[in-house]
Each structure stands twice: as structure tokens, then as C-alpha cells.
N, C-alpha and C. Protein backbone atom coordinates (compact mmCIF):
# COMPACT_ATOMS: atom_id res chain seq x y z
N UNK A 1 -95.67 92.60 -36.05
CA UNK A 1 -95.59 92.91 -35.32
C UNK A 1 -94.06 91.93 -35.50
N UNK A 2 -93.77 91.18 -36.40
CA UNK A 2 -92.79 90.28 -36.72
C UNK A 2 -90.90 91.11 -37.57
N UNK A 3 -92.36 91.29 -38.29
CA UNK A 3 -91.43 92.53 -39.62
C UNK A 3 -91.21 93.90 -39.01
N UNK A 4 -91.87 94.34 -38.82
CA UNK A 4 -91.65 95.69 -37.18
C UNK A 4 -90.43 94.86 -36.33
N UNK A 5 -90.28 93.86 -35.48
CA UNK A 5 -89.18 93.92 -34.61
C UNK A 5 -88.12 93.63 -35.52
N UNK A 6 -87.93 92.85 -36.89
CA UNK A 6 -87.17 92.92 -37.74
C UNK A 6 -85.99 93.77 -38.02
N UNK A 7 -87.17 95.17 -38.24
CA UNK A 7 -86.47 95.79 -38.67
C UNK A 7 -85.92 96.73 -37.32
N UNK A 8 -86.62 97.10 -36.64
CA UNK A 8 -86.15 96.69 -35.54
C UNK A 8 -84.68 96.60 -34.92
N UNK A 9 -84.51 95.44 -34.98
CA UNK A 9 -83.06 95.21 -34.55
C UNK A 9 -82.29 95.24 -35.88
N UNK A 10 -82.47 95.11 -36.63
CA UNK A 10 -82.03 95.72 -37.96
C UNK A 10 -80.99 96.53 -37.45
N UNK A 11 -82.04 98.09 -37.39
CA UNK A 11 -81.80 99.51 -37.24
C UNK A 11 -80.81 99.78 -35.95
N UNK A 12 -81.42 99.14 -35.02
CA UNK A 12 -80.36 99.17 -33.49
C UNK A 12 -78.99 98.38 -33.90
N UNK A 13 -79.05 96.80 -34.32
CA UNK A 13 -78.28 96.99 -34.50
C UNK A 13 -77.07 97.43 -35.27
N UNK A 14 -77.25 98.06 -36.30
CA UNK A 14 -76.52 98.66 -36.93
C UNK A 14 -75.53 100.64 -36.31
N UNK A 15 -76.65 100.27 -35.33
CA UNK A 15 -76.21 101.63 -34.69
C UNK A 15 -74.91 101.44 -33.57
N UNK A 16 -74.52 99.74 -33.19
CA UNK A 16 -73.85 99.54 -32.39
C UNK A 16 -72.55 99.78 -32.60
N UNK A 17 -71.63 100.03 -31.81
CA UNK A 17 -70.23 100.00 -32.28
C UNK A 17 -69.53 98.56 -32.58
N UNK A 18 -68.88 98.31 -32.68
CA UNK A 18 -68.08 97.35 -33.18
C UNK A 18 -67.81 97.03 -32.32
N UNK A 19 -67.46 97.08 -30.51
CA UNK A 19 -67.25 95.95 -29.68
C UNK A 19 -68.17 95.57 -29.68
N UNK A 20 -69.95 96.44 -29.16
CA UNK A 20 -71.40 95.79 -29.06
C UNK A 20 -71.66 94.94 -29.96
N UNK A 21 -71.26 94.83 -30.97
CA UNK A 21 -71.92 94.01 -32.51
C UNK A 21 -70.88 93.41 -31.85
N UNK A 22 -69.48 92.56 -31.69
CA UNK A 22 -68.66 91.52 -31.31
C UNK A 22 -69.30 90.78 -30.39
N UNK A 23 -69.85 91.70 -29.03
CA UNK A 23 -70.37 90.93 -27.29
C UNK A 23 -71.53 90.16 -28.12
N UNK A 24 -72.51 90.45 -29.05
CA UNK A 24 -73.57 90.09 -29.49
C UNK A 24 -73.19 89.03 -30.27
N UNK A 25 -72.64 89.12 -31.32
CA UNK A 25 -72.40 87.74 -32.21
C UNK A 25 -71.73 86.54 -31.29
N UNK A 26 -71.22 86.77 -30.46
CA UNK A 26 -70.19 85.76 -29.50
C UNK A 26 -71.17 85.14 -28.74
N UNK A 27 -72.50 85.22 -28.58
CA UNK A 27 -73.70 84.36 -28.14
C UNK A 27 -73.41 83.52 -29.13
N UNK A 28 -73.70 83.30 -30.31
CA UNK A 28 -74.05 82.06 -31.85
C UNK A 28 -72.59 81.84 -32.37
N UNK A 29 -71.39 82.17 -32.41
CA UNK A 29 -70.65 82.39 -32.92
C UNK A 29 -69.19 82.50 -32.33
N UNK A 30 -68.52 81.11 -32.47
CA UNK A 30 -67.27 81.06 -31.99
C UNK A 30 -65.85 81.40 -32.29
N UNK A 31 -65.93 82.10 -33.32
CA UNK A 31 -64.76 82.65 -34.40
C UNK A 31 -64.49 83.89 -34.03
N UNK A 32 -65.51 84.50 -32.98
CA UNK A 32 -65.99 86.20 -33.21
C UNK A 32 -65.23 86.84 -31.78
N UNK A 33 -64.64 87.49 -31.43
CA UNK A 33 -63.45 88.03 -30.15
C UNK A 33 -64.57 88.15 -28.92
N UNK A 34 -63.96 87.41 -28.58
CA UNK A 34 -65.39 87.65 -27.42
C UNK A 34 -66.30 86.31 -27.15
N UNK A 35 -65.63 85.52 -27.85
CA UNK A 35 -66.64 83.98 -27.66
C UNK A 35 -66.30 83.44 -26.74
N UNK A 36 -65.05 83.63 -26.54
CA UNK A 36 -64.79 82.40 -25.17
C UNK A 36 -65.09 82.98 -23.57
N UNK A 37 -65.86 84.29 -23.20
CA UNK A 37 -66.37 84.98 -22.56
C UNK A 37 -67.38 84.45 -22.37
N UNK A 38 -68.39 84.48 -23.37
CA UNK A 38 -69.93 83.75 -23.08
C UNK A 38 -69.88 82.22 -23.22
N UNK A 39 -68.89 81.57 -23.76
CA UNK A 39 -68.22 80.32 -23.26
C UNK A 39 -68.07 80.24 -21.43
N UNK A 40 -67.14 80.95 -21.21
CA UNK A 40 -67.58 81.02 -20.23
C UNK A 40 -68.32 81.16 -18.75
N UNK A 41 -69.19 81.65 -19.44
CA UNK A 41 -70.72 82.20 -18.42
C UNK A 41 -71.10 81.12 -18.56
N UNK A 42 -71.43 80.51 -19.28
CA UNK A 42 -71.90 78.88 -19.58
C UNK A 42 -70.86 77.79 -18.95
N UNK A 43 -70.28 77.83 -18.99
CA UNK A 43 -68.97 76.76 -18.43
C UNK A 43 -69.15 76.93 -16.88
N UNK A 44 -69.19 78.16 -16.30
CA UNK A 44 -68.83 79.36 -14.91
C UNK A 44 -70.19 78.31 -14.46
N UNK A 45 -72.09 78.71 -14.98
CA UNK A 45 -73.03 78.57 -14.52
C UNK A 45 -73.02 76.79 -14.20
N UNK A 46 -72.16 76.25 -14.99
CA UNK A 46 -71.71 74.76 -14.81
C UNK A 46 -71.09 74.38 -12.93
N UNK A 47 -70.00 75.13 -13.23
CA UNK A 47 -69.19 74.58 -12.30
C UNK A 47 -69.52 75.52 -10.99
N UNK A 48 -70.71 76.47 -11.32
CA UNK A 48 -71.15 77.26 -9.50
C UNK A 48 -72.18 76.38 -9.48
N UNK A 49 -72.90 75.54 -10.27
CA UNK A 49 -73.91 74.64 -9.76
C UNK A 49 -72.82 73.89 -8.84
N UNK A 50 -72.32 72.99 -9.41
CA UNK A 50 -71.11 71.95 -8.59
C UNK A 50 -70.87 72.24 -7.64
N UNK A 51 -70.54 73.53 -7.24
CA UNK A 51 -70.08 74.05 -6.38
C UNK A 51 -70.72 74.50 -5.33
N UNK A 52 -72.31 74.34 -5.71
CA UNK A 52 -73.43 74.70 -4.67
C UNK A 52 -73.78 73.31 -4.38
N UNK A 53 -73.59 71.87 -5.18
CA UNK A 53 -73.79 70.68 -4.79
C UNK A 53 -73.24 70.00 -3.64
N UNK A 54 -71.85 70.84 -3.28
CA UNK A 54 -70.98 70.42 -2.25
C UNK A 54 -72.11 70.77 -0.52
N UNK A 55 -72.90 71.88 -0.72
CA UNK A 55 -73.52 71.72 0.63
C UNK A 55 -75.24 72.13 0.42
N UNK A 56 -76.11 71.74 -0.90
CA UNK A 56 -77.13 71.85 -1.63
C UNK A 56 -77.92 71.98 -0.47
N UNK A 57 -78.93 71.51 1.18
CA UNK A 57 -79.56 71.69 1.26
C UNK A 57 -79.46 73.38 2.05
N UNK A 58 -78.50 74.09 2.83
CA UNK A 58 -78.70 75.09 3.40
C UNK A 58 -77.23 76.26 2.48
N UNK A 59 -76.50 75.50 1.44
CA UNK A 59 -75.39 76.61 1.59
C UNK A 59 -74.64 76.48 1.97
N UNK A 60 -73.56 77.47 1.71
CA UNK A 60 -72.27 77.81 2.41
C UNK A 60 -72.06 78.77 3.37
N UNK A 61 -73.71 79.66 3.54
CA UNK A 61 -73.80 80.76 4.07
C UNK A 61 -74.38 81.91 2.94
N UNK A 62 -74.54 83.16 3.44
CA UNK A 62 -74.85 84.37 2.81
C UNK A 62 -73.92 85.15 2.58
N UNK A 63 -73.35 85.88 1.47
CA UNK A 63 -72.29 86.16 0.77
C UNK A 63 -71.56 85.86 0.91
N UNK A 64 -70.98 84.43 0.61
CA UNK A 64 -69.97 83.19 0.48
C UNK A 64 -69.34 82.79 -0.85
N UNK A 65 -70.39 83.67 -1.99
CA UNK A 65 -70.11 82.69 -3.22
C UNK A 65 -69.25 82.66 -4.04
N UNK A 66 -68.05 84.08 -4.00
CA UNK A 66 -66.24 83.61 -4.05
C UNK A 66 -66.18 83.08 -3.33
N UNK A 67 -66.38 83.23 -2.02
CA UNK A 67 -65.01 82.06 -1.33
C UNK A 67 -65.92 81.18 -1.98
N UNK A 68 -66.88 80.32 -1.66
CA UNK A 68 -66.62 79.08 -2.46
C UNK A 68 -66.26 78.86 -3.31
N UNK A 69 -66.23 79.86 -4.56
CA UNK A 69 -65.59 79.55 -5.81
C UNK A 69 -64.64 79.40 -5.45
N UNK A 70 -63.70 79.97 -5.04
CA UNK A 70 -62.43 80.21 -4.71
C UNK A 70 -62.18 78.86 -4.07
N UNK A 71 -62.11 78.04 -3.32
CA UNK A 71 -62.09 76.95 -2.32
C UNK A 71 -61.87 75.88 -3.23
N UNK A 72 -63.17 75.41 -4.06
CA UNK A 72 -63.45 74.58 -5.19
C UNK A 72 -62.70 75.10 -6.51
N UNK A 73 -62.46 75.96 -7.14
CA UNK A 73 -61.95 75.99 -8.01
C UNK A 73 -61.03 76.90 -8.43
N UNK A 74 -60.55 77.72 -7.29
CA UNK A 74 -59.38 77.84 -7.60
C UNK A 74 -59.80 79.56 -8.09
N UNK A 75 -60.72 79.96 -8.72
CA UNK A 75 -61.08 81.15 -9.09
C UNK A 75 -61.98 81.97 -7.89
N UNK A 76 -61.20 83.27 -7.82
CA UNK A 76 -62.15 84.10 -6.24
C UNK A 76 -62.97 84.66 -6.82
N UNK A 77 -64.17 84.08 -7.47
CA UNK A 77 -65.57 85.34 -8.39
C UNK A 77 -66.88 84.40 -8.30
N UNK A 78 -67.84 85.92 -7.28
CA UNK A 78 -68.52 85.74 -7.71
C UNK A 78 -69.87 84.66 -8.31
N UNK A 79 -70.65 84.00 -8.26
CA UNK A 79 -71.71 83.40 -9.90
C UNK A 79 -71.82 84.37 -10.28
N UNK A 80 -71.84 84.02 -11.49
CA UNK A 80 -72.58 84.83 -12.18
C UNK A 80 -74.30 85.18 -12.84
N UNK A 81 -74.90 84.54 -11.77
CA UNK A 81 -76.34 84.00 -11.94
C UNK A 81 -76.83 83.97 -11.01
N UNK A 82 -77.75 84.54 -10.45
CA UNK A 82 -78.01 85.03 -9.09
C UNK A 82 -78.99 83.25 -8.74
N UNK A 83 -79.24 82.86 -9.69
CA UNK A 83 -79.96 81.64 -8.74
C UNK A 83 -78.87 80.63 -8.61
N UNK A 84 -77.29 80.47 -9.45
CA UNK A 84 -76.84 79.91 -8.88
C UNK A 84 -76.20 80.76 -7.97
N UNK A 85 -76.09 81.87 -7.55
CA UNK A 85 -75.62 81.90 -6.49
C UNK A 85 -76.37 81.46 -4.97
N UNK A 86 -77.30 82.20 -5.53
CA UNK A 86 -78.71 81.40 -4.45
C UNK A 86 -78.56 79.88 -3.71
N UNK A 87 -78.42 79.45 -4.62
CA UNK A 87 -78.05 77.48 -4.68
C UNK A 87 -76.64 78.11 -3.68
N UNK A 88 -75.68 78.45 -3.89
CA UNK A 88 -74.23 78.38 -3.10
C UNK A 88 -74.54 79.27 -1.78
N UNK A 89 -74.69 79.68 -1.85
CA UNK A 89 -75.10 80.82 -0.72
C UNK A 89 -76.02 79.87 0.47
N UNK A 90 -77.26 79.82 -0.37
CA UNK A 90 -78.34 79.87 0.78
C UNK A 90 -79.36 77.94 0.52
N UNK A 91 -78.35 77.00 -0.59
CA UNK A 91 -79.59 75.58 -0.50
C UNK A 91 -80.30 75.97 -1.55
N UNK A 92 -81.32 74.89 -1.30
CA UNK A 92 -82.14 74.82 -1.87
C UNK A 92 -83.64 75.36 -0.84
N UNK A 93 -83.23 75.03 0.07
CA UNK A 93 -84.17 75.68 1.02
C UNK A 93 -84.12 76.86 0.28
N UNK A 94 -82.77 78.06 0.71
CA UNK A 94 -82.62 79.47 0.59
C UNK A 94 -83.60 80.01 -1.29
N UNK A 95 -83.20 78.97 -2.02
CA UNK A 95 -83.47 79.22 -3.00
C UNK A 95 -85.27 78.78 -3.53
N UNK A 96 -85.55 77.84 -2.94
CA UNK A 96 -87.29 78.19 -2.39
C UNK A 96 -88.06 79.32 -1.70
N UNK A 97 -87.11 79.81 -1.05
CA UNK A 97 -87.41 80.62 -0.19
C UNK A 97 -87.47 82.20 -1.08
N UNK A 98 -86.67 82.00 -1.98
CA UNK A 98 -86.66 83.35 -2.53
C UNK A 98 -87.84 82.86 -3.98
N UNK A 99 -87.78 81.76 -4.55
CA UNK A 99 -89.24 81.65 -5.43
C UNK A 99 -90.26 81.89 -4.62
N UNK A 100 -90.62 81.69 -3.79
CA UNK A 100 -91.38 81.97 -3.26
C UNK A 100 -91.83 83.53 -2.98
N UNK A 101 -91.05 84.60 -2.79
CA UNK A 101 -90.94 85.23 -3.16
C UNK A 101 -90.70 86.22 -3.90
N UNK A 102 -90.60 85.57 -4.89
CA UNK A 102 -90.57 86.39 -6.44
C UNK A 102 -91.85 85.65 -6.40
N UNK A 103 -92.86 84.85 -6.35
CA UNK A 103 -94.35 84.52 -6.94
C UNK A 103 -94.61 85.96 -5.99
N UNK A 104 -94.72 85.92 -4.36
CA UNK A 104 -95.53 87.21 -4.28
C UNK A 104 -95.24 88.35 -4.94
N UNK A 105 -94.15 88.57 -4.97
CA UNK A 105 -94.13 90.19 -6.17
C UNK A 105 -95.23 89.83 -6.94
N UNK A 106 -95.14 88.63 -7.91
CA UNK A 106 -95.65 89.01 -9.21
C UNK A 106 -97.17 89.00 -8.39
N UNK A 107 -97.20 88.25 -7.47
CA UNK A 107 -99.10 88.16 -7.23
C UNK A 107 -99.16 89.92 -6.70
N UNK A 108 -98.84 90.40 -5.48
CA UNK A 108 -99.20 91.38 -5.27
C UNK A 108 -99.24 92.03 -5.87
N UNK A 109 -98.25 92.93 -7.79
CA UNK A 109 -98.10 93.09 -8.75
C UNK A 109 -99.87 93.11 -9.54
N UNK A 110 -99.77 92.18 -9.58
CA UNK A 110 -100.38 91.36 -10.52
C UNK A 110 -102.31 91.67 -10.05
N UNK A 111 -102.05 91.59 -8.65
CA UNK A 111 -103.77 91.70 -7.91
C UNK A 111 -104.13 93.27 -7.60
N UNK A 112 -102.78 94.58 -7.51
CA UNK A 112 -102.99 95.67 -7.21
C UNK A 112 -103.40 96.20 -8.72
N UNK A 113 -102.77 95.59 -10.04
CA UNK A 113 -103.01 96.22 -11.42
C UNK A 113 -104.65 95.79 -11.65
N UNK A 114 -105.44 94.53 -11.57
CA UNK A 114 -106.43 94.42 -11.01
C UNK A 114 -107.37 95.24 -10.48
N UNK A 115 -107.03 95.45 -9.05
CA UNK A 115 -108.26 96.26 -8.28
C UNK A 115 -107.87 97.39 -9.03
N UNK A 116 -106.94 98.32 -9.07
CA UNK A 116 -106.64 99.30 -9.66
C UNK A 116 -107.66 99.60 -11.09
N UNK A 117 -107.84 98.94 -12.00
CA UNK A 117 -108.04 98.67 -13.14
C UNK A 117 -109.85 98.12 -12.84
N UNK A 118 -110.23 98.04 -12.18
CA UNK A 118 -111.37 97.44 -11.33
C UNK A 118 -112.18 98.63 -11.01
N UNK A 119 -111.58 99.12 -10.22
CA UNK A 119 -111.56 100.73 -9.47
C UNK A 119 -111.76 101.79 -10.57
N UNK A 120 -113.05 102.38 -10.76
CA UNK A 120 -113.53 103.67 -11.83
C UNK A 120 -112.38 104.49 -10.87
N UNK A 121 -112.00 104.75 -10.20
CA UNK A 121 -111.24 105.95 -9.68
C UNK A 121 -109.67 106.12 -9.51
N UNK A 122 -109.24 105.12 -9.53
CA UNK A 122 -108.00 104.91 -9.49
C UNK A 122 -107.12 106.08 -10.79
N UNK A 123 -106.35 106.77 -10.32
CA UNK A 123 -105.74 107.94 -11.23
C UNK A 123 -104.90 106.74 -11.96
N UNK A 124 -104.16 107.55 -12.67
CA UNK A 124 -103.84 106.74 -13.95
C UNK A 124 -102.70 106.61 -13.97
N UNK A 125 -102.16 107.65 -12.96
CA UNK A 125 -100.80 107.26 -12.27
C UNK A 125 -100.09 106.34 -12.06
N UNK A 126 -101.22 105.53 -10.88
CA UNK A 126 -100.92 104.48 -10.22
C UNK A 126 -101.15 103.45 -10.89
N UNK A 127 -101.63 103.06 -11.87
CA UNK A 127 -102.18 102.26 -12.77
C UNK A 127 -101.14 101.85 -14.07
N UNK A 128 -100.61 103.10 -14.27
CA UNK A 128 -98.70 102.90 -15.10
C UNK A 128 -97.84 102.96 -14.12
N UNK A 129 -97.81 102.60 -13.30
CA UNK A 129 -96.84 103.16 -12.09
C UNK A 129 -96.93 100.92 -11.83
N UNK A 130 -97.93 100.70 -11.32
CA UNK A 130 -97.93 99.04 -11.39
C UNK A 130 -97.56 98.30 -12.41
N UNK A 131 -97.91 99.21 -14.07
CA UNK A 131 -97.20 98.46 -15.12
C UNK A 131 -96.09 98.51 -14.75
N UNK A 132 -95.23 99.67 -15.03
CA UNK A 132 -93.86 100.10 -15.38
C UNK A 132 -92.82 99.03 -13.78
N UNK A 133 -93.13 98.56 -12.47
CA UNK A 133 -92.96 98.16 -11.60
C UNK A 133 -93.06 96.28 -12.57
N UNK A 134 -94.06 95.76 -12.97
CA UNK A 134 -94.02 94.29 -13.67
C UNK A 134 -93.24 94.27 -14.79
N UNK A 135 -92.95 95.43 -15.52
CA UNK A 135 -91.49 95.37 -16.71
C UNK A 135 -90.19 94.89 -16.04
N UNK A 136 -90.33 96.56 -14.64
CA UNK A 136 -88.65 96.13 -14.13
C UNK A 136 -88.91 95.04 -13.36
N UNK A 137 -89.41 94.14 -13.09
CA UNK A 137 -89.35 92.75 -12.39
C UNK A 137 -89.40 91.72 -13.42
N UNK A 138 -89.88 91.97 -14.34
CA UNK A 138 -88.86 90.79 -15.90
C UNK A 138 -87.98 90.74 -16.28
N UNK A 139 -87.91 92.36 -16.30
CA UNK A 139 -86.07 92.45 -16.94
C UNK A 139 -85.21 92.44 -16.00
N UNK A 140 -85.43 92.28 -14.32
CA UNK A 140 -84.44 91.84 -13.41
C UNK A 140 -84.62 90.44 -13.77
N UNK A 141 -85.74 89.76 -13.88
CA UNK A 141 -85.90 88.56 -13.29
C UNK A 141 -85.01 87.60 -15.11
N UNK A 142 -85.27 88.87 -16.10
CA UNK A 142 -84.23 88.08 -16.96
C UNK A 142 -82.60 88.01 -16.97
N UNK A 143 -82.69 89.20 -16.12
CA UNK A 143 -81.20 89.65 -16.27
C UNK A 143 -80.10 89.09 -15.52
N UNK A 144 -81.12 88.53 -14.18
CA UNK A 144 -80.42 87.90 -12.88
C UNK A 144 -80.20 86.23 -13.90
N UNK A 145 -80.17 86.22 -14.81
CA UNK A 145 -79.77 84.95 -15.41
C UNK A 145 -77.96 84.92 -15.69
N UNK A 146 -77.77 86.53 -15.86
CA UNK A 146 -76.59 86.76 -16.30
C UNK A 146 -75.75 87.61 -15.01
N UNK A 147 -76.06 87.76 -14.37
CA UNK A 147 -75.65 88.55 -12.83
C UNK A 147 -75.44 88.20 -11.62
N UNK A 148 -74.94 88.26 -10.72
CA UNK A 148 -75.22 87.93 -9.56
C UNK A 148 -76.06 89.35 -8.61
N UNK A 149 -76.55 88.96 -7.51
CA UNK A 149 -77.01 90.17 -7.26
C UNK A 149 -78.24 90.42 -6.07
N UNK A 150 -77.81 88.42 -5.11
CA UNK A 150 -78.69 88.62 -3.99
C UNK A 150 -78.67 89.86 -2.93
N UNK A 151 -77.84 90.27 -2.66
CA UNK A 151 -77.79 91.47 -1.88
C UNK A 151 -78.11 92.73 -2.72
N UNK A 152 -78.40 92.35 -3.54
CA UNK A 152 -78.88 94.07 -4.34
C UNK A 152 -79.94 94.68 -3.83
N UNK A 153 -80.12 95.97 -3.85
CA UNK A 153 -80.85 96.72 -3.13
C UNK A 153 -82.87 96.82 -3.68
N UNK A 154 -82.77 96.55 -5.21
CA UNK A 154 -83.15 96.12 -6.10
C UNK A 154 -84.51 95.15 -5.86
N UNK A 155 -84.40 93.77 -5.36
CA UNK A 155 -85.22 92.62 -4.68
C UNK A 155 -85.57 93.18 -2.81
N UNK A 156 -84.90 94.11 -2.39
CA UNK A 156 -85.91 95.26 -1.15
C UNK A 156 -86.85 95.79 -1.78
N UNK A 157 -86.35 96.48 -2.44
CA UNK A 157 -87.51 97.47 -3.37
C UNK A 157 -88.29 96.93 -3.60
N UNK A 158 -88.14 96.19 -4.59
CA UNK A 158 -89.37 95.49 -5.19
C UNK A 158 -90.34 95.02 -3.66
N UNK A 159 -89.85 93.85 -2.85
CA UNK A 159 -90.64 93.95 -1.95
C UNK A 159 -91.69 94.75 -1.32
N UNK A 160 -90.81 95.96 -0.62
CA UNK A 160 -91.44 97.09 -0.23
C UNK A 160 -92.50 97.62 -1.29
N UNK A 161 -92.16 97.97 -2.45
CA UNK A 161 -93.25 98.44 -2.76
C UNK A 161 -94.69 97.55 -3.78
N UNK A 162 -93.87 96.72 -4.00
CA UNK A 162 -95.33 95.31 -4.10
C UNK A 162 -96.11 95.57 -2.88
N UNK A 163 -95.48 95.46 -2.16
CA UNK A 163 -96.58 95.55 -0.77
C UNK A 163 -97.98 96.96 -0.64
N UNK A 164 -97.08 98.10 -0.94
CA UNK A 164 -97.36 99.55 -0.49
C UNK A 164 -98.28 99.22 -2.03
N UNK A 165 -98.34 99.03 -2.89
CA UNK A 165 -99.19 99.27 -4.05
C UNK A 165 -100.61 98.07 -4.19
N UNK A 166 -100.21 97.57 -3.29
CA UNK A 166 -101.35 96.12 -3.05
C UNK A 166 -102.09 97.02 -2.44
N UNK A 167 -101.42 97.79 -0.48
CA UNK A 167 -102.06 98.45 0.08
C UNK A 167 -102.96 99.28 -0.43
N UNK A 168 -102.23 100.09 -1.03
CA UNK A 168 -103.26 100.70 -1.78
C UNK A 168 -104.85 100.74 -2.91
N UNK A 169 -104.07 99.65 -3.60
CA UNK A 169 -105.12 99.13 -4.13
C UNK A 169 -106.17 98.69 -3.37
N UNK A 170 -105.98 97.99 -1.99
CA UNK A 170 -107.23 97.15 -1.65
C UNK A 170 -108.16 98.35 -0.70
N UNK A 171 -106.92 99.54 -0.65
CA UNK A 171 -107.94 100.48 -0.19
C UNK A 171 -108.98 101.34 -1.62
N UNK A 172 -108.56 102.10 -2.20
CA UNK A 172 -109.53 101.65 -3.43
C UNK A 172 -110.35 100.78 -3.58
N UNK A 173 -110.44 99.71 -3.38
CA UNK A 173 -111.26 98.26 -4.01
C UNK A 173 -111.99 98.52 -2.70
N UNK A 174 -112.03 99.28 -1.82
CA UNK A 174 -112.70 98.79 -0.65
C UNK A 174 -113.37 100.02 0.15
N UNK A 175 -113.05 101.20 -0.59
CA UNK A 175 -113.63 102.85 -0.38
C UNK A 175 -112.79 103.54 -1.29
N UNK A 176 -113.56 103.05 -2.79
CA UNK A 176 -113.00 104.27 -3.83
C UNK A 176 -112.47 105.73 -3.30
N UNK A 177 -114.10 106.10 -2.88
CA UNK A 177 -113.53 107.59 -3.16
C UNK A 177 -112.63 108.10 -1.51
N UNK A 178 -113.08 107.15 -0.48
CA UNK A 178 -112.25 107.83 0.25
C UNK A 178 -110.18 107.29 -0.02
N UNK A 179 -110.93 106.50 -0.86
CA UNK A 179 -108.94 105.97 -1.12
C UNK A 179 -108.05 107.46 -1.85
N UNK A 180 -109.59 107.94 -2.91
CA UNK A 180 -109.23 109.05 -3.87
C UNK A 180 -108.95 110.41 -3.73
N UNK A 181 -109.91 110.45 -1.80
CA UNK A 181 -108.95 111.54 -1.13
C UNK A 181 -107.99 111.40 -0.79
N UNK A 182 -107.89 110.27 -0.29
CA UNK A 182 -106.26 110.20 0.62
C UNK A 182 -105.21 110.63 -0.35
N UNK A 183 -105.29 110.30 -1.46
CA UNK A 183 -104.41 109.83 -3.05
C UNK A 183 -104.48 111.32 -3.13
N UNK A 184 -105.38 112.11 -3.34
CA UNK A 184 -105.16 113.79 -3.80
C UNK A 184 -104.56 114.66 -2.39
N UNK A 185 -104.90 114.14 -1.40
CA UNK A 185 -104.37 114.82 -0.36
C UNK A 185 -102.67 115.09 -0.30
N UNK A 186 -101.99 113.75 -0.34
CA UNK A 186 -100.66 113.37 -0.59
C UNK A 186 -100.40 113.83 -2.01
N UNK A 187 -100.68 114.00 -2.84
CA UNK A 187 -100.20 114.45 -3.98
C UNK A 187 -100.49 113.58 -5.30
């Protein structure tokens, strides 16, 4: 697998434009154009944390990341890390609530997948949908380390879809025949 991953990485890297190559190289090398941007993101995260520590319990208020940064550092820019944005806007209380929300999302998707797989009559598309949602959630969690987005739609969509999949999986667990008939009636 490591050999295949290395071959794939070299293949993908050879297909990148010069600008894209520089952006990836700037993560590890300081003598590449764009290295200041990568350094700025790291330093920006520490600056954002310092801004958040001015009001650590409840934060500055929802949607105030750019304003809080401006008043503290003179830079009118949102935090480019979802977790420091959460700290700035909602404090540790809000961050803890959001982390429990993420835990609930993961649990709902995991439980739904387990119930779908244990039921012999679950349509394959529901299992595949649950896998896809888990991958999208993992991608979003990693991407949120380098982007803002507390107010982005996907967090609300994740919540709704996790509850919907969990309810559908509960139906399959209780009465697979009835759930299957209901699923066939709706498409």
C-alpha cells in the first residue's frame, strides 16, 4: 500500500501546475514562493488563539471573529481555523458543545451503518450513502483545520442527515420487512 501511495503521489504531483506545486512545497520549505502564506496561517492560528483568550468562557459572540481580530491585531479577517473561530466567537463553552455535536454526528453515522449492515434487507445504496457521509465528515473535519466555516451550511446538513439515517436504520433494525416496503414505496 505504501508503494502504491508513493506512486500515486508522484503521479499526482507531476500533473500539478507550477502554482499548485509551489503551494505544496511551501508547507515544508521556506525558500519557495508562497512560504510566507503557510507561515502566516500557522502564526495566524496562534494569534487567533490569543484573541480568543480575551473572552475565553463565552467568546465575543457569534459571527464576530473578523471584528475581534480587527480590534486585537488590526487585521480584519476571519479566523482561518474552525476551532479557533469557535473559541473566538463562542468560547470554550461553545467549543465543547460543538465537539459534542461532532461526537453525536460520528455516533449516528456509525450506529446507522452498524444497523444497516446487520439487517439483511437494507438496500446497498443506504450503506453506501452512510459510508459517503462518514468520508465527507472526516474530510470536513480535516479541512476545518485550515478554513473557517462555523456558519457554513454543511454542519447543519450533517446534523439533519445523521438524524435521518439513524431513524431509517432504526426502522430497519425493528422491522426490516416494513422498512424495506416503506423504502421501496418512496423510491
